[in-house]
Amino acid sequence: HGPRLRRRLDRGEIEPTAILDLHGLDREQAAGRLDTFIAQRSAAEVVLVIHGKGTGILARTVHQVLDASRRVAEHLPAPARLGGDGARVVRIRSRGR
């Protein structure tokens, strides 16, 4: 799915249905908000998580949470128009999987 999702995003065929901006939060706050955000999403939903570039602490935290979540089908860097390296696009998996 990764290359397919990337192509569809790059072409503007799909847009995130929800956005979570984690700017200004520490690691623990960001992880908690991201867990809650993911839990509230619907299956197959594509969302945007903005962590910024900064020192990379939030980016690493976001990657860890997304990698560990059973609800995340895939995540990849956002296209430049959606934040590039300062954000991740996430496709949500159904709860049953």
Protein backbone atom coordinates (compact mmCIF):
# COMPACT_ATOMS: atom_id res chain seq x y z
CA HIS A 1 0.00 0.00 0.00
CA GLY A 2 2.85 2.44 0.75
CA PRO A 3 3.72 3.37 -2.85
CA ARG A 4 0.03 3.47 -3.79
CA LEU A 5 -0.82 5.77 -0.88
CA ARG A 6 2.15 7.99 -1.76
CA ARG A 7 1.03 8.29 -5.40
CA ARG A 8 -2.54 9.12 -4.43
CA LEU A 9 -1.34 11.77 -1.97
CA ASP A 10 1.08 13.27 -4.48
CA ARG A 11 -1.68 13.49 -7.10
CA GLY A 12 -4.06 15.11 -4.60
CA GLU A 13 -6.53 12.23 -5.01
CA ILE A 14 -6.86 11.83 -1.25
CA GLU A 15 -6.58 14.32 1.57
CA PRO A 16 -6.25 13.70 5.30
CA THR A 17 -9.63 13.64 7.03
CA ALA A 18 -8.19 14.82 10.36
CA ILE A 19 -5.07 16.65 11.52
CA LEU A 20 -3.22 16.44 14.83
CA ASP A 21 -0.64 19.18 15.52
CA LEU A 22 1.82 18.25 18.27
CA HIS A 23 3.90 21.45 18.22
CA GLY A 24 4.83 22.66 21.69
CA LEU A 25 4.20 19.36 23.48
CA ASP A 26 6.79 17.26 25.30
CA ARG A 27 7.31 13.58 24.47
CA GLU A 28 4.83 12.25 27.04
CA GLN A 29 2.11 14.73 26.11
CA ALA A 30 2.61 14.07 22.39
CA ALA A 31 2.51 10.28 22.85
CA GLY A 32 -0.70 10.51 24.89
CA ARG A 33 -2.45 12.82 22.45
CA LEU A 34 -1.38 10.67 19.49
CA ASP A 35 -2.63 7.45 21.14
CA THR A 36 -6.00 9.09 21.83
CA PHE A 37 -6.19 10.55 18.32
CA ILE A 38 -5.52 7.16 16.71
CA ALA A 39 -8.05 5.41 18.95
CA GLN A 40 -10.76 7.85 17.83
CA ARG A 41 -10.22 7.35 14.10
CA SER A 42 -12.24 5.18 11.71
CA ALA A 43 -10.90 2.25 9.71
CA ALA A 44 -9.14 3.16 6.45
CA GLU A 45 -9.11 6.82 7.44
CA VAL A 46 -6.04 8.77 6.32
CA VAL A 47 -4.87 11.39 8.80
CA LEU A 48 -2.01 13.86 9.17
CA VAL A 49 0.18 14.10 12.27
CA ILE A 50 2.31 17.25 12.45
CA HIS A 51 5.37 16.97 14.69
CA GLY A 52 7.60 19.65 13.19
CA LYS A 53 11.29 19.35 12.44
CA GLY A 54 13.04 20.90 15.44
CA THR A 55 15.48 18.61 17.26
CA GLY A 56 13.74 15.44 16.09
CA ILE A 57 12.52 14.42 19.55
CA LEU A 58 8.83 14.65 18.63
CA ALA A 59 9.45 13.00 15.26
CA ARG A 60 11.09 10.01 16.96
CA THR A 61 8.26 9.83 19.50
CA VAL A 62 5.64 9.91 16.72
CA HIS A 63 7.46 7.15 14.81
CA GLN A 64 7.64 4.98 17.94
CA VAL A 65 3.95 5.41 18.77
CA LEU A 66 2.86 4.77 15.17
CA ASP A 67 5.11 1.71 14.83
CA ALA A 68 3.75 0.26 18.09
CA SER A 69 0.06 0.92 17.37
CA ARG A 70 -1.99 -2.00 16.10
CA ARG A 71 -4.45 0.53 14.61
CA VAL A 72 -1.85 1.95 12.21
CA ALA A 73 -1.83 0.17 8.84
CA GLU A 74 0.99 2.36 7.51
CA HIS A 75 2.63 5.73 7.94
CA LEU A 76 4.92 7.71 5.71
CA PRO A 77 6.42 11.19 5.44
CA ALA A 78 3.90 13.76 4.33
CA PRO A 79 4.19 15.28 0.86
CA ALA A 80 5.80 18.74 0.87
CA ARG A 81 2.41 20.46 0.54
CA LEU A 82 1.30 18.81 3.81
CA GLY A 83 4.46 19.45 5.82
CA GLY A 84 7.10 17.17 4.32
CA ASP A 85 9.57 15.85 6.87
CA GLY A 86 7.75 17.71 9.65
CA ALA A 87 4.66 15.50 9.41
CA ARG A 88 3.47 11.93 8.85
CA VAL A 89 0.52 10.66 6.86
CA VAL A 90 -1.13 7.73 8.65
CA ARG A 91 -3.62 5.17 7.33
CA ILE A 92 -5.73 3.66 10.09
CA ARG A 93 -6.46 -0.08 10.27
CA SER A 94 -9.79 -1.49 11.44
CA ARG A 95 -10.12 -2.35 15.13
CA GLY A 96 -10.59 -6.05 14.43
CA ARG A 97 -7.14 -6.61 12.98
